[in-house]
Amino acid sequence: MKMSEIKDLTPAELVVKSRDLRQELFQLRLQQASSQLEHPARMRLLRRDVARLETRLTQLRPKAA
């Protein structure tokens, strides 16, 4: 997910998307623990996407206050 796509989302959509990505990351961690993970690079991409979403949420918070 690119930052240009993230900028178009509302704060509520950002929270939902972040929750979904965190859930997917959790599932991948479970697969990794049981040695069933097929694409380990996906974990890295998910972590970066979550960080991008959290960064955008942090940018929006001072404007809302």
C-alpha atoms as a PDB file:
ATOM      1  CA  MET A   1       0.000   0.000   0.000  1.00  0.00           C
ATOM      2  CA  LYS A   2       1.457   3.324  -1.040  1.00  0.00           C
ATOM      3  CA  MET A   3       1.320   6.502   0.966  1.00  0.00           C
ATOM      4  CA  SER A   4      -0.703   8.186  -1.806  1.00  0.00           C
ATOM      5  CA  GLU A   5      -3.416   5.543  -1.301  1.00  0.00           C
ATOM      6  CA  ILE A   6      -3.315   6.023   2.458  1.00  0.00           C
ATOM      7  CA  LYS A   7      -3.734   9.808   2.231  1.00  0.00           C
ATOM      8  CA  ASP A   8      -7.114   9.321   0.555  1.00  0.00           C
ATOM      9  CA  LEU A   9      -8.522   7.300   3.473  1.00  0.00           C
ATOM     10  CA  THR A  10     -10.539   8.759   6.336  1.00  0.00           C
ATOM     11  CA  PRO A  11      -9.353   8.262   9.942  1.00  0.00           C
ATOM     12  CA  ALA A  12     -12.031   5.613  10.516  1.00  0.00           C
ATOM     13  CA  GLU A  13     -10.944   3.725   7.409  1.00  0.00           C
ATOM     14  CA  LEU A  14      -7.322   3.963   8.543  1.00  0.00           C
ATOM     15  CA  VAL A  15      -8.178   2.376  11.875  1.00  0.00           C
ATOM     16  CA  VAL A  16     -10.095  -0.462  10.212  1.00  0.00           C
ATOM     17  CA  LYS A  17      -7.325  -1.089   7.677  1.00  0.00           C
ATOM     18  CA  SER A  18      -4.693  -1.076  10.436  1.00  0.00           C
ATOM     19  CA  ARG A  19      -6.701  -3.590  12.472  1.00  0.00           C
ATOM     20  CA  ASP A  20      -7.070  -5.866   9.443  1.00  0.00           C
ATOM     21  CA  LEU A  21      -3.363  -5.750   8.642  1.00  0.00           C
ATOM     22  CA  ARG A  22      -2.440  -6.449  12.266  1.00  0.00           C
ATOM     23  CA  GLN A  23      -4.756  -9.472  12.251  1.00  0.00           C
ATOM     24  CA  GLU A  24      -3.140 -10.752   9.062  1.00  0.00           C
ATOM     25  CA  LEU A  25       0.304 -10.216  10.571  1.00  0.00           C
ATOM     26  CA  PHE A  26      -0.764 -12.216  13.626  1.00  0.00           C
ATOM     27  CA  GLN A  27      -1.906 -15.075  11.403  1.00  0.00           C
ATOM     28  CA  LEU A  28       1.428 -15.036   9.588  1.00  0.00           C
ATOM     29  CA  ARG A  29       3.284 -15.182  12.895  1.00  0.00           C
ATOM     30  CA  LEU A  30       1.281 -18.270  13.818  1.00  0.00           C
ATOM     31  CA  GLN A  31       2.163 -19.859  10.490  1.00  0.00           C
ATOM     32  CA  GLN A  32       5.819 -19.002  11.027  1.00  0.00           C
ATOM     33  CA  ALA A  33       5.798 -20.593  14.455  1.00  0.00           C
ATOM     34  CA  SER A  34       4.386 -23.803  13.014  1.00  0.00           C
ATOM     35  CA  SER A  35       6.830 -23.724  10.054  1.00  0.00           C
ATOM     36  CA  GLN A  36       4.041 -23.322   7.500  1.00  0.00           C
ATOM     37  CA  LEU A  37       4.871 -19.815   6.303  1.00  0.00           C
ATOM     38  CA  GLU A  38       5.236 -19.746   2.518  1.00  0.00           C
ATOM     39  CA  HIS A  39       6.072 -16.061   1.940  1.00  0.00           C
ATOM     40  CA  PRO A  40       8.172 -14.651   4.797  1.00  0.00           C
ATOM     41  CA  ALA A  41       8.647 -11.348   2.954  1.00  0.00           C
ATOM     42  CA  ARG A  42       4.919 -10.684   3.387  1.00  0.00           C
ATOM     43  CA  MET A  43       5.495 -10.098   7.110  1.00  0.00           C
ATOM     44  CA  ARG A  44       7.940  -7.303   6.360  1.00  0.00           C
ATOM     45  CA  LEU A  45       5.523  -5.648   3.959  1.00  0.00           C
ATOM     46  CA  LEU A  46       2.692  -5.840   6.474  1.00  0.00           C
ATOM     47  CA  ARG A  47       4.811  -4.298   9.227  1.00  0.00           C
ATOM     48  CA  ARG A  48       5.691  -1.419   6.933  1.00  0.00           C
ATOM     49  CA  ASP A  49       2.079  -0.904   5.892  1.00  0.00           C
ATOM     50  CA  VAL A  50       0.964  -0.818   9.533  1.00  0.00           C
ATOM     51  CA  ALA A  51       3.677   1.747  10.256  1.00  0.00           C
ATOM     52  CA  ARG A  52       2.524   3.888   7.320  1.00  0.00           C
ATOM     53  CA  LEU A  53      -1.070   3.766   8.566  1.00  0.00           C
ATOM     54  CA  GLU A  54      -0.062   4.666  12.107  1.00  0.00           C
ATOM     55  CA  THR A  55       2.075   7.532  10.817  1.00  0.00           C
ATOM     56  CA  ARG A  56      -0.865   8.934   8.866  1.00  0.00           C
ATOM     57  CA  LEU A  57      -3.143   8.602  11.903  1.00  0.00           C
ATOM     58  CA  THR A  58      -0.600  10.490  13.997  1.00  0.00           C
ATOM     59  CA  GLN A  59      -0.453  13.228  11.377  1.00  0.00           C
ATOM     60  CA  LEU A  60      -4.238  13.608  11.433  1.00  0.00           C
ATOM     61  CA  ARG A  61      -4.676  13.685  15.224  1.00  0.00           C
ATOM     62  CA  PRO A  62      -3.352  17.237  15.899  1.00  0.00           C
ATOM     63  CA  LYS A  63      -5.645  18.612  13.178  1.00  0.00           C
ATOM     64  CA  ALA A  64      -8.687  17.023  14.796  1.00  0.00           C
ATOM     65  CA  ALA A  65      -7.918  18.504  18.222  1.00  0.00           C
END
